[in-house]
Amino acid sequence: MSKEQDTSKLWGGRFSEATDAFVQRFTASVQFDQRMAAQDIKGSLAHAAMLCQVGVLDAAELEEIEQGLAQIQAEIDAGSFQWSIELEDVHMNIEARLTQLIGVTGKKLHTGRSRNDQVATDIRLYLRSGIDAIAAQLSRLQHGTIALAAQHTDTIMPGFTHLQTAQPVAFGHHLLAWNEMLQRDYGRLMDCRGRLNQSPLGAAALAGTTYPIDREHTASALGFDKPTENSLDSVSDRDFAIEFCSFAALLMTHLSRMSEELVLWTSSQFNFIELPDRFCTGSSIMPQKKNPDVPELVRGKVGRVNGHLISLLTLMKSQPLAYNKDNQEDKEPLFDTVDTVLDSIRAFADMIPAIRPQQEQMREAARRGFSTATDLADYLVGLGLPFRDAHEVVGQAVAHGVANDLDLAEMDLATLQGFCADIREDVFEVLTLEGSIAARDHLGGTAPAQVAAAARRAMALLEQR
């Protein structure tokens, strides 16, 4: 053996000189993949139990491995485990420590597997755990959103198109629109979980192994639905990570849209809602300021999540089968996406139920924006006018209102009849805000009864999870 041979590596037999120090640091991943240590140990325990079942390990060796891995987990939990860049990654660090603890038996653990199927298994286990945590927080956010909507089925606010007052809606109706976005996000998340929940363990480096392994055993032990079908795809597939980041980009886009509305609504120009102080900060120079930092920050974080999705798509776009070192670059974007989404969802789940609507300001904003103009047009159609003619009549009435600072409901009957002689006293029933929202009494409409029913359906669907 050359005296320059790198004896610290678990793969060093082929090499005649040590890895360059810079290359060693450049290619190591233990700095970030150590967060998968629990998943790596869990996978190793399942693999060892399977090796014992098929006769590759005996019962005493299995017990040694189990005790050694338990000690390693305890060291990691206590913060006393010594991570080494020289050992490259989480897998080799744990295996090397296991061999230190139990001797030659530790070297047998890797029988019938490769770091390629090992990391593919670990990352699926890690992401599955992250998905479950996100799903729980997403359900909590939906619960808070639906509950707040149910309290405000007849709280009136302006509905907007082009950020201009369009028609009055119930505040609860607006909140349930948010919930519809979140409900689709939850469905995408569960679809992603279902597709990733297959075990690549046993695919080994790329072609499987000559040992008599039982892949169904390890898949079941690790909570997977089944083993993956093809060994080449098993070690090189990162679709599940891309799919998760795609879900995350859509979810964060929805949270960003919600954040934008929260930022607008808390401004003095809108003053539709108040957020509790614990979700806001002040200014270092302007003592009157109360800044909605939580929604602003969530709105900003969508950029990094979108970037991670593009990073993973680009990472995989030209990789030949099977595993390539490129895939070391999959973890940091994925880890940060999990962290960012989980934190953002948690912040929203805490904040949304604490919103305090300013009901009078909302109602006044709806009253001032000619938001019942469409109701007047519909009323005229009911009198027999073609819609385009009705549209023209109402446009003239709105122009009069703008010139005289009058809402449609504030004009007297004679003024309205000046635009259309057929208008009768009952027109004021449709020109009120309450009459306008009550008239949208159909599935998906903003009538208070419909909003209340929609909230009940949404809550029942949530409780079925």
Protein backbone atom coordinates (compact mmCIF):
# COMPACT_ATOMS: atom_id res chain seq x y z
CA MET A 1 0.00 0.00 0.00
CA SER A 2 1.30 3.45 -0.92
CA LYS A 3 1.98 5.58 2.08
CA GLU A 4 -0.12 8.26 0.38
CA GLN A 5 -3.13 5.99 0.06
CA ASP A 6 -6.19 7.41 1.81
CA THR A 7 -6.96 4.88 4.55
CA SER A 8 -9.79 6.93 6.07
CA LYS A 9 -12.15 6.06 3.23
CA LEU A 10 -14.46 3.09 3.30
CA TRP A 11 -13.91 2.80 -0.45
CA GLY A 12 -10.15 3.48 -0.56
CA GLY A 13 -8.86 0.13 -1.83
CA ARG A 14 -8.90 1.16 -5.47
CA PHE A 15 -6.96 4.38 -4.95
CA SER A 16 -3.20 4.96 -4.76
CA GLU A 17 -3.18 8.51 -3.45
CA ALA A 18 -5.17 10.59 -1.03
CA THR A 19 -8.02 12.81 -2.16
CA ASP A 20 -6.97 16.41 -2.59
CA ALA A 21 -7.95 18.40 0.50
CA PHE A 22 -9.96 20.92 -1.48
CA VAL A 23 -11.70 18.19 -3.49
CA GLN A 24 -12.49 16.43 -0.24
CA ARG A 25 -14.28 19.50 1.08
CA PHE A 26 -15.87 20.26 -2.27
CA THR A 27 -17.37 16.81 -2.72
CA ALA A 28 -18.41 16.17 0.88
CA SER A 29 -22.10 16.43 1.78
CA VAL A 30 -22.05 15.64 5.48
CA GLN A 31 -22.32 19.33 6.30
CA PHE A 32 -25.96 19.23 5.18
CA ASP A 33 -27.04 15.61 4.77
CA GLN A 34 -26.40 14.85 8.45
CA ARG A 35 -29.96 16.05 9.03
CA MET A 36 -31.02 12.70 7.53
CA ALA A 37 -29.22 10.76 10.26
CA ALA A 38 -32.41 9.47 11.88
CA GLN A 39 -33.69 8.25 8.52
CA ASP A 40 -30.33 6.65 7.72
CA ILE A 41 -30.34 4.75 11.02
CA LYS A 42 -33.96 3.73 10.51
CA GLY A 43 -33.13 2.37 7.05
CA SER A 44 -30.08 0.53 8.38
CA LEU A 45 -32.11 -1.13 11.12
CA ALA A 46 -34.65 -2.38 8.58
CA HIS A 47 -31.88 -3.57 6.26
CA ALA A 48 -30.08 -5.39 9.07
CA ALA A 49 -33.28 -7.11 10.22
CA MET A 50 -33.89 -8.27 6.65
CA LEU A 51 -30.30 -9.57 6.32
CA CYS A 52 -30.84 -11.59 9.46
CA GLN A 53 -34.12 -12.96 8.18
CA VAL A 54 -32.50 -14.21 4.95
CA GLY A 55 -29.46 -15.64 6.76
CA VAL A 56 -26.77 -13.14 5.83
CA LEU A 57 -26.46 -12.03 9.48
CA ASP A 58 -27.06 -14.16 12.56
CA ALA A 59 -29.16 -13.07 15.53
CA ALA A 60 -26.14 -12.06 17.62
CA GLU A 61 -24.78 -9.87 14.82
CA LEU A 62 -28.18 -8.23 14.38
CA GLU A 63 -28.32 -7.46 18.09
CA GLU A 64 -24.84 -5.90 17.95
CA ILE A 65 -25.84 -3.71 15.03
CA GLU A 66 -29.07 -2.65 16.69
CA GLN A 67 -27.30 -1.74 19.94
CA GLY A 68 -24.55 0.12 18.07
CA LEU A 69 -27.01 2.13 16.00
CA ALA A 70 -29.02 2.95 19.12
CA GLN A 71 -25.88 4.34 20.74
CA ILE A 72 -25.10 6.38 17.64
CA GLN A 73 -28.61 7.84 17.63
CA ALA A 74 -28.21 8.74 21.29
CA GLU A 75 -24.88 10.46 20.54
CA ILE A 76 -26.46 12.43 17.70
CA ASP A 77 -29.39 13.44 19.88
CA ALA A 78 -27.02 14.56 22.61
CA GLY A 79 -24.87 16.54 20.17
CA SER A 80 -21.74 14.55 20.99
CA PHE A 81 -21.43 12.67 17.69
CA GLN A 82 -18.27 13.64 15.83
CA TRP A 83 -19.04 14.35 12.19
CA SER A 84 -16.10 14.09 9.80
CA ILE A 85 -15.76 15.68 6.36
CA GLU A 86 -13.16 13.04 5.57
CA LEU A 87 -15.95 10.45 5.71
CA GLU A 88 -17.91 12.49 3.14
CA ASP A 89 -21.54 11.92 4.06
CA VAL A 90 -24.01 10.89 6.72
CA HIS A 91 -23.94 7.24 5.62
CA MET A 92 -20.19 6.71 5.92
CA ASN A 93 -19.97 8.68 9.16
CA ILE A 94 -22.54 6.43 10.78
CA GLU A 95 -21.06 3.24 9.34
CA ALA A 96 -17.55 4.18 10.45
CA ARG A 97 -18.73 4.93 13.98
CA LEU A 98 -20.67 1.66 14.06
CA THR A 99 -17.52 -0.24 13.14
CA GLN A 100 -15.65 1.59 15.89
CA LEU A 101 -18.26 0.49 18.39
CA ILE A 102 -18.87 -3.14 17.41
CA GLY A 103 -15.92 -4.09 15.24
CA VAL A 104 -16.08 -6.29 12.17
CA THR A 105 -19.84 -6.85 12.45
CA GLY A 106 -20.30 -3.20 11.62
CA LYS A 107 -18.65 -3.81 8.26
CA LYS A 108 -21.29 -6.39 7.40
CA LEU A 109 -24.17 -3.92 7.54
CA HIS A 110 -23.54 -2.67 4.03
CA THR A 111 -23.96 -6.14 2.53
CA GLY A 112 -26.49 -6.09 -0.30
CA ARG A 113 -26.84 -2.34 -0.56
CA SER A 114 -25.06 0.74 -1.91
CA ARG A 115 -24.95 4.35 -0.88
CA ASN A 116 -27.00 4.93 -4.03
CA ASP A 117 -30.09 3.08 -2.84
CA GLN A 118 -29.32 4.10 0.73
CA VAL A 119 -29.52 7.83 0.00
CA ALA A 120 -32.55 7.33 -2.23
CA THR A 121 -34.27 5.64 0.70
CA ASP A 122 -33.16 8.20 3.25
CA ILE A 123 -34.34 11.17 1.23
CA ARG A 124 -37.75 9.59 0.67
CA LEU A 125 -38.08 8.89 4.39
CA TYR A 126 -36.99 12.44 5.19
CA LEU A 127 -39.38 14.03 2.72
CA ARG A 128 -42.25 11.80 3.79
CA SER A 129 -41.79 13.02 7.35
CA GLY A 130 -41.64 16.61 6.12
CA ILE A 131 -44.81 16.14 4.09
CA ASP A 132 -46.65 14.78 7.12
CA ALA A 133 -45.58 17.77 9.20
CA ILE A 134 -46.63 20.21 6.46
CA ALA A 135 -49.96 18.41 6.00
CA ALA A 136 -50.71 18.82 9.70
CA GLN A 137 -49.96 22.55 9.62
CA LEU A 138 -51.90 22.98 6.38
CA SER A 139 -54.93 21.33 7.96
CA ARG A 140 -54.56 23.65 10.96
CA LEU A 141 -54.45 26.67 8.65
CA GLN A 142 -57.54 25.49 6.80
CA HIS A 143 -59.38 24.89 10.06
CA GLY A 144 -58.65 28.43 11.24
CA THR A 145 -59.63 29.92 7.88
CA ILE A 146 -62.92 28.03 7.69
CA ALA A 147 -63.80 28.79 11.31
CA LEU A 148 -63.21 32.52 10.74
CA ALA A 149 -65.32 32.37 7.56
CA ALA A 150 -68.18 30.75 9.46
CA GLN A 151 -68.18 33.72 11.87
CA HIS A 152 -68.52 36.25 9.04
CA THR A 153 -71.10 34.89 6.63
CA ASP A 154 -72.89 38.27 6.50
CA THR A 155 -69.97 40.65 7.09
CA ILE A 156 -69.94 42.74 3.91
CA MET A 157 -66.81 43.86 2.09
CA PRO A 158 -66.11 44.97 -1.46
CA GLY A 159 -65.15 42.29 -3.92
CA PHE A 160 -62.52 43.43 -6.40
CA THR A 161 -61.48 42.94 -9.98
CA HIS A 162 -58.39 44.83 -11.17
CA LEU A 163 -58.21 45.92 -7.51
CA GLN A 164 -61.22 48.13 -8.23
CA THR A 165 -64.48 47.77 -6.31
CA ALA A 166 -66.66 45.37 -8.29
CA GLN A 167 -69.50 43.82 -6.26
CA PRO A 168 -70.16 43.33 -2.56
CA VAL A 169 -69.27 39.94 -1.10
CA ALA A 170 -69.29 38.38 2.35
CA PHE A 171 -65.93 38.40 4.14
CA GLY A 172 -66.53 34.73 4.87
CA HIS A 173 -66.93 34.10 1.14
CA HIS A 174 -63.54 35.68 0.51
CA LEU A 175 -61.92 33.55 3.20
CA LEU A 176 -63.44 30.40 1.72
CA ALA A 177 -61.85 31.32 -1.61
CA TRP A 178 -58.52 31.11 0.20
CA ASN A 179 -59.53 27.72 1.55
CA GLU A 180 -60.29 26.45 -1.95
CA MET A 181 -56.68 27.19 -2.93
CA LEU A 182 -55.39 25.46 0.18
CA GLN A 183 -57.64 22.46 -0.38
CA ARG A 184 -56.16 21.94 -3.85
CA ASP A 185 -52.69 22.31 -2.35
CA TYR A 186 -53.46 19.61 0.18
CA GLY A 187 -54.59 17.29 -2.60
CA ARG A 188 -51.38 17.87 -4.53
CA LEU A 189 -49.35 17.21 -1.38
CA MET A 190 -51.10 13.90 -0.77
CA ASP A 191 -50.62 12.91 -4.43
CA CYS A 192 -46.91 13.59 -4.04
CA ARG A 193 -46.74 11.54 -0.86
CA GLY A 194 -48.40 8.59 -2.54
CA ARG A 195 -45.95 8.55 -5.42
CA LEU A 196 -42.84 8.88 -3.26
CA ASN A 197 -43.91 6.17 -0.81
CA GLN A 198 -42.11 3.32 -2.56
CA SER A 199 -38.88 1.80 -1.28
CA PRO A 200 -35.74 1.88 -3.44
CA LEU A 201 -33.77 -0.08 -0.83
CA GLY A 202 -32.34 -3.20 -2.44
CA ALA A 203 -31.65 -1.61 -5.81
CA ALA A 204 -28.02 -1.40 -4.60
CA ALA A 205 -25.70 0.58 -6.86
CA LEU A 206 -27.92 0.31 -9.96
CA ALA A 207 -28.53 -3.34 -10.89
CA GLY A 208 -29.70 -5.00 -7.70
CA THR A 209 -27.63 -7.48 -5.69
CA THR A 210 -26.67 -11.14 -5.77
CA TYR A 211 -27.65 -11.60 -2.12
CA PRO A 212 -31.04 -13.22 -1.37
CA ILE A 213 -32.63 -10.01 -0.09
CA ASP A 214 -36.31 -9.51 0.68
CA ARG A 215 -37.29 -6.07 -0.53
CA GLU A 216 -40.90 -6.45 0.55
CA HIS A 217 -39.65 -6.96 4.11
CA THR A 218 -37.67 -3.70 4.20
CA ALA A 219 -40.38 -1.77 2.39
CA SER A 220 -42.97 -2.86 4.94
CA ALA A 221 -40.68 -2.22 7.90
CA LEU A 222 -40.08 1.34 6.70
CA GLY A 223 -43.75 2.08 6.11
CA PHE A 224 -43.53 2.14 2.32
CA ASP A 225 -46.45 0.92 0.24
CA LYS A 226 -44.23 -1.34 -1.84
CA PRO A 227 -40.71 -1.62 -3.30
CA THR A 228 -39.85 0.26 -6.48
CA GLU A 229 -39.94 -1.82 -9.68
CA ASN A 230 -36.73 -0.96 -11.53
CA SER A 231 -33.27 -0.81 -9.97
CA LEU A 232 -31.89 1.74 -12.46
CA ASP A 233 -34.75 4.15 -11.90
CA SER A 234 -34.77 3.47 -8.15
CA VAL A 235 -31.37 5.02 -7.51
CA SER A 236 -31.65 7.89 -10.00
CA ASP A 237 -35.24 9.03 -9.63
CA ARG A 238 -35.78 12.43 -8.04
CA ASP A 239 -39.24 13.05 -9.48
CA PHE A 240 -40.69 13.02 -5.99
CA ALA A 241 -38.42 15.90 -4.91
CA ILE A 242 -39.32 17.93 -7.98
CA GLU A 243 -43.00 17.19 -7.52
CA PHE A 244 -42.81 18.28 -3.89
CA CYS A 245 -41.08 21.52 -4.87
CA SER A 246 -43.74 22.07 -7.53
CA PHE A 247 -46.42 21.66 -4.86
CA ALA A 248 -44.45 24.01 -2.63
CA ALA A 249 -44.17 26.68 -5.34
CA LEU A 250 -47.94 26.62 -5.87
CA LEU A 251 -48.66 26.67 -2.15
CA MET A 252 -46.28 29.57 -1.59
CA THR A 253 -47.84 31.39 -4.53
CA HIS A 254 -51.21 31.05 -2.81
CA LEU A 255 -49.78 32.22 0.50
CA SER A 256 -48.18 35.13 -1.33
CA ARG A 257 -51.52 36.14 -2.83
CA MET A 258 -53.10 35.94 0.61
CA SER A 259 -50.18 37.91 2.05
CA GLU A 260 -50.64 40.69 -0.50
CA GLU A 261 -54.28 41.07 0.53
CA LEU A 262 -53.38 41.06 4.21
CA VAL A 263 -50.77 43.76 3.62
CA LEU A 264 -53.30 45.88 1.72
CA TRP A 265 -56.08 45.29 4.23
CA THR A 266 -53.94 46.34 7.20
CA SER A 267 -52.89 49.60 5.53
CA SER A 268 -54.53 52.84 6.65
CA GLN A 269 -55.83 53.26 3.10
CA PHE A 270 -57.95 50.09 3.45
CA ASN A 271 -58.18 49.47 7.21
CA PHE A 272 -60.22 46.30 6.63
CA ILE A 273 -58.52 44.18 9.29
CA GLU A 274 -56.23 44.42 12.26
CA LEU A 275 -53.48 41.93 12.99
CA PRO A 276 -52.43 41.36 16.60
CA ASP A 277 -49.18 43.01 17.60
CA ARG A 278 -47.40 39.67 17.92
CA PHE A 279 -47.45 39.28 14.12
CA CYS A 280 -46.15 42.79 13.43
CA THR A 281 -43.13 44.97 14.10
CA GLY A 282 -42.49 48.69 14.46
CA SER A 283 -40.20 51.18 12.81
CA SER A 284 -36.85 52.30 14.21
CA ILE A 285 -37.60 55.89 13.21
CA MET A 286 -41.38 56.26 12.77
CA PRO A 287 -43.13 55.54 16.09
CA GLN A 288 -46.61 55.29 14.56
CA LYS A 289 -45.78 52.36 12.30
CA LYS A 290 -47.18 48.85 12.72
CA ASN A 291 -45.73 46.77 9.94
CA PRO A 292 -47.30 43.45 8.81
CA ASP A 293 -43.94 41.69 8.71
CA VAL A 294 -45.21 38.09 8.79
CA PRO A 295 -47.27 38.30 5.58
CA GLU A 296 -44.60 40.44 3.94
CA LEU A 297 -41.90 37.90 4.70
CA VAL A 298 -44.03 34.98 3.53
CA ARG A 299 -44.75 36.92 0.34
CA GLY A 300 -41.02 37.29 -0.18
CA LYS A 301 -40.14 33.67 0.49
CA VAL A 302 -41.99 32.44 -2.59
CA GLY A 303 -38.95 33.54 -4.62
CA ARG A 304 -36.56 31.13 -2.95
CA VAL A 305 -39.03 28.23 -3.26
CA ASN A 306 -39.57 28.94 -6.96
CA GLY A 307 -35.81 29.04 -7.34
CA HIS A 308 -35.41 25.64 -5.69
CA LEU A 309 -37.91 24.13 -8.12
CA ILE A 310 -35.95 25.46 -11.09
CA SER A 311 -32.71 24.23 -9.51
CA LEU A 312 -33.99 20.67 -9.24
CA LEU A 313 -35.49 20.66 -12.72
CA THR A 314 -32.19 21.89 -14.11
CA LEU A 315 -30.24 19.39 -12.01
CA MET A 316 -32.10 16.45 -13.53
CA LYS A 317 -32.57 17.65 -17.09
CA SER A 318 -29.59 15.88 -18.69
CA GLN A 319 -28.58 13.11 -16.32
CA PRO A 320 -28.07 9.69 -17.90
CA LEU A 321 -29.07 6.59 -15.95
CA ALA A 322 -28.28 5.72 -13.26
CA TYR A 323 -26.92 7.61 -10.23
CA ASN A 324 -24.58 10.58 -10.75
CA LYS A 325 -22.75 12.80 -8.30
CA ASP A 326 -24.92 15.66 -9.54
CA ASN A 327 -27.64 14.32 -7.27
CA GLN A 328 -25.75 15.45 -4.22
CA GLU A 329 -27.11 18.87 -5.20
CA ASP A 330 -30.72 17.75 -4.67
CA LYS A 331 -30.66 17.97 -0.89
CA GLU A 332 -30.01 21.59 0.02
CA PRO A 333 -32.81 22.96 -2.20
CA LEU A 334 -35.16 20.26 -0.95
CA PHE A 335 -34.25 20.75 2.70
CA ASP A 336 -34.70 24.52 2.45
CA THR A 337 -38.04 24.11 0.68
CA VAL A 338 -39.33 21.85 3.46
CA ASP A 339 -38.15 24.31 6.11
CA THR A 340 -39.53 27.37 4.32
CA VAL A 341 -42.94 25.86 3.64
CA LEU A 342 -43.28 24.46 7.14
CA ASP A 343 -42.39 27.78 8.77
CA SER A 344 -44.64 29.79 6.44
CA ILE A 345 -47.63 27.51 6.96
CA ARG A 346 -47.12 27.52 10.72
CA ALA A 347 -46.99 31.33 10.76
CA PHE A 348 -50.21 31.56 8.77
CA ALA A 349 -51.96 28.90 10.85
CA ASP A 350 -51.19 30.98 13.96
CA MET A 351 -52.09 34.32 12.36
CA ILE A 352 -55.26 33.81 10.32
CA PRO A 353 -57.58 32.90 13.25
CA ALA A 354 -56.34 36.01 15.05
CA ILE A 355 -57.47 38.42 12.30
CA ARG A 356 -59.85 41.09 13.60
CA PRO A 357 -62.11 42.35 10.77
CA GLN A 358 -63.02 46.05 10.86
CA GLN A 359 -66.59 45.49 9.76
CA GLU A 360 -67.76 49.09 9.49
CA GLN A 361 -64.79 50.09 7.34
CA MET A 362 -65.34 47.10 5.07
CA ARG A 363 -69.02 47.93 4.66
CA GLU A 364 -68.36 51.59 3.98
CA ALA A 365 -65.79 50.70 1.32
CA ALA A 366 -68.34 48.48 -0.40
CA ARG A 367 -70.99 51.21 -0.18
CA ARG A 368 -68.73 53.85 -1.73
CA GLY A 369 -67.69 51.93 -4.82
CA PHE A 370 -70.94 51.61 -6.79
CA SER A 371 -70.69 47.91 -6.04
CA THR A 372 -74.41 47.34 -6.68
CA ALA A 373 -74.28 48.65 -10.26
CA THR A 374 -74.55 45.14 -11.67
CA ASP A 375 -77.59 44.52 -9.47
CA LEU A 376 -79.28 47.55 -11.02
CA ALA A 377 -78.48 46.25 -14.50
CA ASP A 378 -79.95 42.86 -13.59
CA TYR A 379 -83.04 44.61 -12.24
CA LEU A 380 -83.50 46.45 -15.55
CA VAL A 381 -83.13 43.21 -17.47
CA GLY A 382 -85.91 41.85 -15.30
CA LEU A 383 -88.06 44.75 -16.54
CA GLY A 384 -87.47 43.64 -20.14
CA LEU A 385 -84.45 45.71 -21.20
CA PRO A 386 -81.73 43.93 -23.20
CA PHE A 387 -78.62 43.62 -21.04
CA ARG A 388 -76.52 45.94 -23.22
CA ASP A 389 -79.16 48.65 -22.96
CA ALA A 390 -79.38 48.10 -19.22
CA HIS A 391 -75.58 48.37 -19.03
CA GLU A 392 -75.74 51.76 -20.77
CA VAL A 393 -78.47 53.05 -18.45
CA VAL A 394 -76.53 52.05 -15.34
CA GLY A 395 -73.37 53.62 -16.72
CA GLN A 396 -75.21 56.93 -17.02
CA ALA A 397 -76.50 56.58 -13.45
CA VAL A 398 -72.98 55.87 -12.16
CA ALA A 399 -71.63 58.92 -14.03
CA HIS A 400 -74.28 61.03 -12.31
CA GLY A 401 -73.29 59.52 -8.96
CA VAL A 402 -69.61 60.28 -9.51
CA ALA A 403 -70.41 63.89 -10.45
CA ASN A 404 -72.63 64.39 -7.41
CA ASP A 405 -70.85 62.18 -4.87
CA LEU A 406 -73.86 59.90 -4.54
CA ASP A 407 -74.04 56.12 -4.41
CA LEU A 408 -76.81 54.48 -6.42
CA ALA A 409 -78.70 53.62 -3.23
CA GLU A 410 -78.54 57.29 -2.18
CA MET A 411 -80.35 58.58 -5.29
CA ASP A 412 -84.07 59.17 -5.02
CA LEU A 413 -86.58 57.36 -7.17
CA ALA A 414 -87.19 60.34 -9.43
CA THR A 415 -83.48 60.61 -10.22
CA LEU A 416 -83.27 56.92 -11.11
CA GLN A 417 -86.43 57.16 -13.23
CA GLY A 418 -84.70 59.90 -15.16
CA PHE A 419 -82.43 57.21 -16.53
CA CYS A 420 -85.20 54.64 -17.06
CA ALA A 421 -88.86 55.49 -16.56
CA ASP A 422 -89.76 51.86 -15.78
CA ILE A 423 -87.81 51.81 -12.49
CA ARG A 424 -90.08 51.36 -9.47
CA GLU A 425 -89.76 51.73 -5.70
CA ASP A 426 -88.69 48.10 -5.31
CA VAL A 427 -85.36 48.95 -6.97
CA PHE A 428 -83.98 49.92 -3.56
CA GLU A 429 -84.25 46.33 -2.42
CA VAL A 430 -81.53 45.35 -4.90
CA LEU A 431 -79.44 48.49 -4.42
CA THR A 432 -78.65 47.76 -0.78
CA LEU A 433 -75.50 45.84 0.02
CA GLU A 434 -77.46 43.26 1.97
CA GLY A 435 -79.88 42.77 -0.89
CA SER A 436 -77.03 42.40 -3.35
CA ILE A 437 -75.25 39.58 -1.53
CA ALA A 438 -78.52 37.88 -0.59
CA ALA A 439 -79.50 37.72 -4.26
CA ARG A 440 -76.50 35.47 -5.08
CA ASP A 441 -78.24 32.53 -3.48
CA HIS A 442 -76.82 29.57 -5.38
CA LEU A 443 -73.99 27.08 -5.00
CA GLY A 444 -70.75 29.04 -4.95
CA GLY A 445 -72.52 32.35 -4.43
CA THR A 446 -71.95 34.91 -1.70
CA ALA A 447 -75.42 34.84 -0.07
CA PRO A 448 -74.98 34.38 3.69
CA ALA A 449 -76.87 31.08 3.69
CA GLN A 450 -74.66 29.77 0.90
CA VAL A 451 -71.48 30.90 2.67
CA ALA A 452 -72.59 29.20 5.88
CA ALA A 453 -73.36 25.99 3.99
CA ALA A 454 -70.02 26.14 2.17
CA ALA A 455 -68.20 26.57 5.48
CA ARG A 456 -69.97 23.52 6.89
CA ARG A 457 -69.04 21.43 3.86
CA ALA A 458 -65.45 22.58 4.00
CA MET A 459 -65.15 21.78 7.70
CA ALA A 460 -66.75 18.34 7.22
CA LEU A 461 -64.27 17.57 4.42
CA LEU A 462 -61.40 18.68 6.64
CA GLU A 463 -62.54 16.49 9.49
CA GLN A 464 -62.57 13.43 7.25
CA ARG A 465 -58.76 13.47 6.94
